[in-house]
């Protein structure tokens, strides 16, 4: 992820929340794609 180290140091909780949200979104997209409910580019 493209963020500066100083941002991570100064905003640890925010950065953790951002990473967690991205992981959850990827998991959702993977599950939805497997179920035929999501298609990249649609």
PDB file of N, CA and C in Angstrom:
ATOM      1  N   UNK A   1       0.858  -1.164   0.000  1.00  0.00           N
ATOM      2  CA  UNK A   1       0.000   0.000   0.000  1.00  0.00           C
ATOM      3  C   UNK A   1       0.905   1.227   0.000  1.00  0.00           C
ATOM      4  N   UNK A   2       0.550   2.211  -0.778  1.00  0.00           N
ATOM      5  CA  UNK A   2       1.403   3.380  -0.934  1.00  0.00           C
ATOM      6  C   UNK A   2       1.126   4.485   0.067  1.00  0.00           C
ATOM      7  N   UNK A   3       1.635   4.335   1.269  1.00  0.00           N
ATOM      8  CA  UNK A   3       1.552   5.412   2.252  1.00  0.00           C
ATOM      9  C   UNK A   3       2.936   5.640   2.831  1.00  0.00           C
ATOM     10  N   UNK A   4       3.150   6.839   3.309  1.00  0.00           N
ATOM     11  CA  UNK A   4       4.454   7.170   3.880  1.00  0.00           C
ATOM     12  C   UNK A   4       4.572   6.571   5.282  1.00  0.00           C
ATOM     13  N   UNK A   5       5.787   6.206   5.630  1.00  0.00           N
ATOM     14  CA  UNK A   5       6.048   5.621   6.945  1.00  0.00           C
ATOM     15  C   UNK A   5       5.619   6.574   8.060  1.00  0.00           C
ATOM     16  N   UNK A   6       5.787   7.861   7.840  1.00  0.00           N
ATOM     17  CA  UNK A   6       5.398   8.835   8.867  1.00  0.00           C
ATOM     18  C   UNK A   6       3.887   8.812   9.109  1.00  0.00           C
ATOM     19  N   UNK A   7       3.101   8.578   8.049  1.00  0.00           N
ATOM     20  CA  UNK A   7       1.649   8.472   8.223  1.00  0.00           C
ATOM     21  C   UNK A   7       1.315   7.280   9.102  1.00  0.00           C
ATOM     22  N   UNK A   8       1.966   6.152   8.845  1.00  0.00           N
ATOM     23  CA  UNK A   8       1.711   4.945   9.632  1.00  0.00           C
ATOM     24  C   UNK A   8       2.083   5.181  11.089  1.00  0.00           C
ATOM     25  N   UNK A   9       3.232   5.794  11.305  1.00  0.00           N
ATOM     26  CA  UNK A   9       3.699   6.057  12.665  1.00  0.00           C
ATOM     27  C   UNK A   9       2.747   6.991  13.411  1.00  0.00           C
ATOM     28  N   UNK A  10       2.281   8.027  12.727  1.00  0.00           N
ATOM     29  CA  UNK A  10       1.434   9.031  13.361  1.00  0.00           C
ATOM     30  C   UNK A  10      -0.037   8.623  13.437  1.00  0.00           C
ATOM     31  N   UNK A  11      -0.443   7.663  12.621  1.00  0.00           N
ATOM     32  CA  UNK A  11      -1.860   7.282  12.533  1.00  0.00           C
ATOM     33  C   UNK A  11      -2.014   5.766  12.550  1.00  0.00           C
ATOM     34  N   UNK A  12      -1.461   5.128  13.552  1.00  0.00           N
ATOM     35  CA  UNK A  12      -1.439   3.668  13.588  1.00  0.00           C
ATOM     36  C   UNK A  12      -2.835   3.053  13.559  1.00  0.00           C
ATOM     37  N   UNK A  13      -3.757   3.585  14.327  1.00  0.00           N
ATOM     38  CA  UNK A  13      -5.115   3.020  14.357  1.00  0.00           C
ATOM     39  C   UNK A  13      -5.817   3.214  13.017  1.00  0.00           C
ATOM     40  N   UNK A  14      -5.645   4.378  12.427  1.00  0.00           N
ATOM     41  CA  UNK A  14      -6.258   4.654  11.123  1.00  0.00           C
ATOM     42  C   UNK A  14      -5.697   3.721  10.068  1.00  0.00           C
ATOM     43  N   UNK A  15      -4.376   3.549  10.056  1.00  0.00           N
ATOM     44  CA  UNK A  15      -3.742   2.674   9.075  1.00  0.00           C
ATOM     45  C   UNK A  15      -4.209   1.231   9.265  1.00  0.00           C
ATOM     46  N   UNK A  16      -4.262   0.773  10.500  1.00  0.00           N
ATOM     47  CA  UNK A  16      -4.726  -0.586  10.775  1.00  0.00           C
ATOM     48  C   UNK A  16      -6.158  -0.765  10.277  1.00  0.00           C
ATOM     49  N   UNK A  17      -7.011   0.214  10.546  1.00  0.00           N
ATOM     50  CA  UNK A  17      -8.405   0.137  10.104  1.00  0.00           C
ATOM     51  C   UNK A  17      -8.508   0.111   8.586  1.00  0.00           C
ATOM     52  N   UNK A  18      -7.688   0.891   7.913  1.00  0.00           N
ATOM     53  CA  UNK A  18      -7.676   0.919   6.453  1.00  0.00           C
ATOM     54  C   UNK A  18      -7.263  -0.430   5.880  1.00  0.00           C
ATOM     55  N   UNK A  19      -6.205  -1.004   6.426  1.00  0.00           N
ATOM     56  CA  UNK A  19      -5.738  -2.314   5.957  1.00  0.00           C
ATOM     57  C   UNK A  19      -6.802  -3.374   6.220  1.00  0.00           C
ATOM     58  N   UNK A  20      -7.394  -3.343   7.399  1.00  0.00           N
ATOM     59  CA  UNK A  20      -8.436  -4.316   7.738  1.00  0.00           C
ATOM     60  C   UNK A  20      -9.615  -4.207   6.775  1.00  0.00           C
ATOM     61  N   UNK A  21     -10.037  -2.986   6.469  1.00  0.00           N
ATOM     62  CA  UNK A  21     -11.154  -2.782   5.545  1.00  0.00           C
ATOM     63  C   UNK A  21     -10.814  -3.291   4.151  1.00  0.00           C
ATOM     64  N   UNK A  22      -9.588  -3.088   3.711  1.00  0.00           N
ATOM     65  CA  UNK A  22      -9.179  -3.567   2.388  1.00  0.00           C
ATOM     66  C   UNK A  22      -9.161  -5.088   2.332  1.00  0.00           C
ATOM     67  N   UNK A  23      -8.684  -5.720   3.391  1.00  0.00           N
ATOM     68  CA  UNK A  23      -8.672  -7.184   3.446  1.00  0.00           C
ATOM     69  C   UNK A  23     -10.099  -7.716   3.409  1.00  0.00           C
ATOM     70  N   UNK A  24     -10.986  -7.112   4.200  1.00  0.00           N
ATOM     71  CA  UNK A  24     -12.383  -7.553   4.217  1.00  0.00           C
ATOM     72  C   UNK A  24     -13.045  -7.356   2.854  1.00  0.00           C
ATOM     73  N   UNK A  25     -12.748  -6.257   2.182  1.00  0.00           N
ATOM     74  CA  UNK A  25     -13.320  -6.004   0.857  1.00  0.00           C
ATOM     75  C   UNK A  25     -12.830  -7.038  -0.151  1.00  0.00           C
ATOM     76  N   UNK A  26     -11.566  -7.384  -0.076  1.00  0.00           N
ATOM     77  CA  UNK A  26     -11.019  -8.404  -0.979  1.00  0.00           C
ATOM     78  C   UNK A  26     -11.653  -9.762  -0.711  1.00  0.00           C
ATOM     79  N   UNK A  27     -11.852 -10.085   0.554  1.00  0.00           N
ATOM     80  CA  UNK A  27     -12.493 -11.354   0.894  1.00  0.00           C
ATOM     81  C   UNK A  27     -13.928 -11.379   0.377  1.00  0.00           C
ATOM     82  N   UNK A  28     -14.651 -10.278   0.530  1.00  0.00           N
ATOM     83  CA  UNK A  28     -16.022 -10.198   0.047  1.00  0.00           C
ATOM     84  C   UNK A  28     -16.064 -10.353  -1.469  1.00  0.00           C
ATOM     85  N   UNK A  29     -15.173  -9.649  -2.159  1.00  0.00           N
ATOM     86  CA  UNK A  29     -15.150  -9.718  -3.620  1.00  0.00           C
ATOM     87  C   UNK A  29     -14.833 -11.131  -4.092  1.00  0.00           C
ATOM     88  N   UNK A  30     -13.933 -11.804  -3.396  1.00  0.00           N
ATOM     89  CA  UNK A  30     -13.582 -13.174  -3.760  1.00  0.00           C
ATOM     90  C   UNK A  30     -14.774 -14.099  -3.571  1.00  0.00           C
ATOM     91  N   UNK A  31     -15.458 -13.969  -2.439  1.00  0.00           N
ATOM     92  CA  UNK A  31     -16.631 -14.806  -2.180  1.00  0.00           C
ATOM     93  C   UNK A  31     -17.750 -14.514  -3.179  1.00  0.00           C
ATOM     94  N   UNK A  32     -17.990 -13.236  -3.441  1.00  0.00           N
ATOM     95  CA  UNK A  32     -19.050 -12.861  -4.369  1.00  0.00           C
ATOM     96  C   UNK A  32     -18.724 -13.335  -5.779  1.00  0.00           C
ATOM     97  N   UNK A  33     -17.455 -13.235  -6.172  1.00  0.00           N
ATOM     98  CA  UNK A  33     -17.041 -13.683  -7.500  1.00  0.00           C
ATOM     99  C   UNK A  33     -17.222 -15.189  -7.621  1.00  0.00           C
ATOM    100  N   UNK A  34     -16.891 -15.903  -6.570  1.00  0.00           N
ATOM    101  CA  UNK A  34     -17.050 -17.359  -6.578  1.00  0.00           C
ATOM    102  C   UNK A  34     -18.518 -17.747  -6.702  1.00  0.00           C
ATOM    103  N   UNK A  35     -19.394 -16.911  -6.176  1.00  0.00           N
ATOM    104  CA  UNK A  35     -20.829 -17.190  -6.238  1.00  0.00           C
ATOM    105  C   UNK A  35     -21.459 -16.626  -7.512  1.00  0.00           C
ATOM    106  N   UNK A  36     -20.640 -16.007  -8.363  1.00  0.00           N
ATOM    107  CA  UNK A  36     -21.146 -15.450  -9.604  1.00  0.00           C
ATOM    108  C   UNK A  36     -21.886 -14.142  -9.432  1.00  0.00           C
ATOM    109  N   UNK A  37     -21.679 -13.482  -8.292  1.00  0.00           N
ATOM    110  CA  UNK A  37     -22.395 -12.240  -8.001  1.00  0.00           C
ATOM    111  C   UNK A  37     -21.579 -11.002  -8.326  1.00  0.00           C
ATOM    112  N   UNK A  38     -20.328 -11.172  -8.639  1.00  0.00           N
ATOM    113  CA  UNK A  38     -19.445 -10.030  -8.852  1.00  0.00           C
ATOM    114  C   UNK A  38     -18.510 -10.358  -9.992  1.00  0.00           C
ATOM    115  N   UNK A  39     -18.278  -9.400 -10.822  1.00  0.00           N
ATOM    116  CA  UNK A  39     -17.327  -9.591 -11.904  1.00  0.00           C
ATOM    117  C   UNK A  39     -16.522  -8.316 -12.055  1.00  0.00           C
ATOM    118  N   UNK A  40     -15.210  -8.417 -11.995  1.00  0.00           N
ATOM    119  CA  UNK A  40     -14.352  -7.252 -12.137  1.00  0.00           C
ATOM    120  C   UNK A  40     -14.620  -6.593 -13.483  1.00  0.00           C
ATOM    121  N   UNK A  41     -14.739  -5.285 -13.457  1.00  0.00           N
ATOM    122  CA  UNK A  41     -14.972  -4.550 -14.679  1.00  0.00           C
ATOM    123  C   UNK A  41     -16.427  -4.390 -15.053  1.00  0.00           C
ATOM    124  N   UNK A  42     -17.311  -4.927 -14.261  1.00  0.00           N
ATOM    125  CA  UNK A  42     -18.744  -4.791 -14.572  1.00  0.00           C
ATOM    126  C   UNK A  42     -19.323  -3.599 -13.867  1.00  0.00           C
TER     127      UNK A  42
END
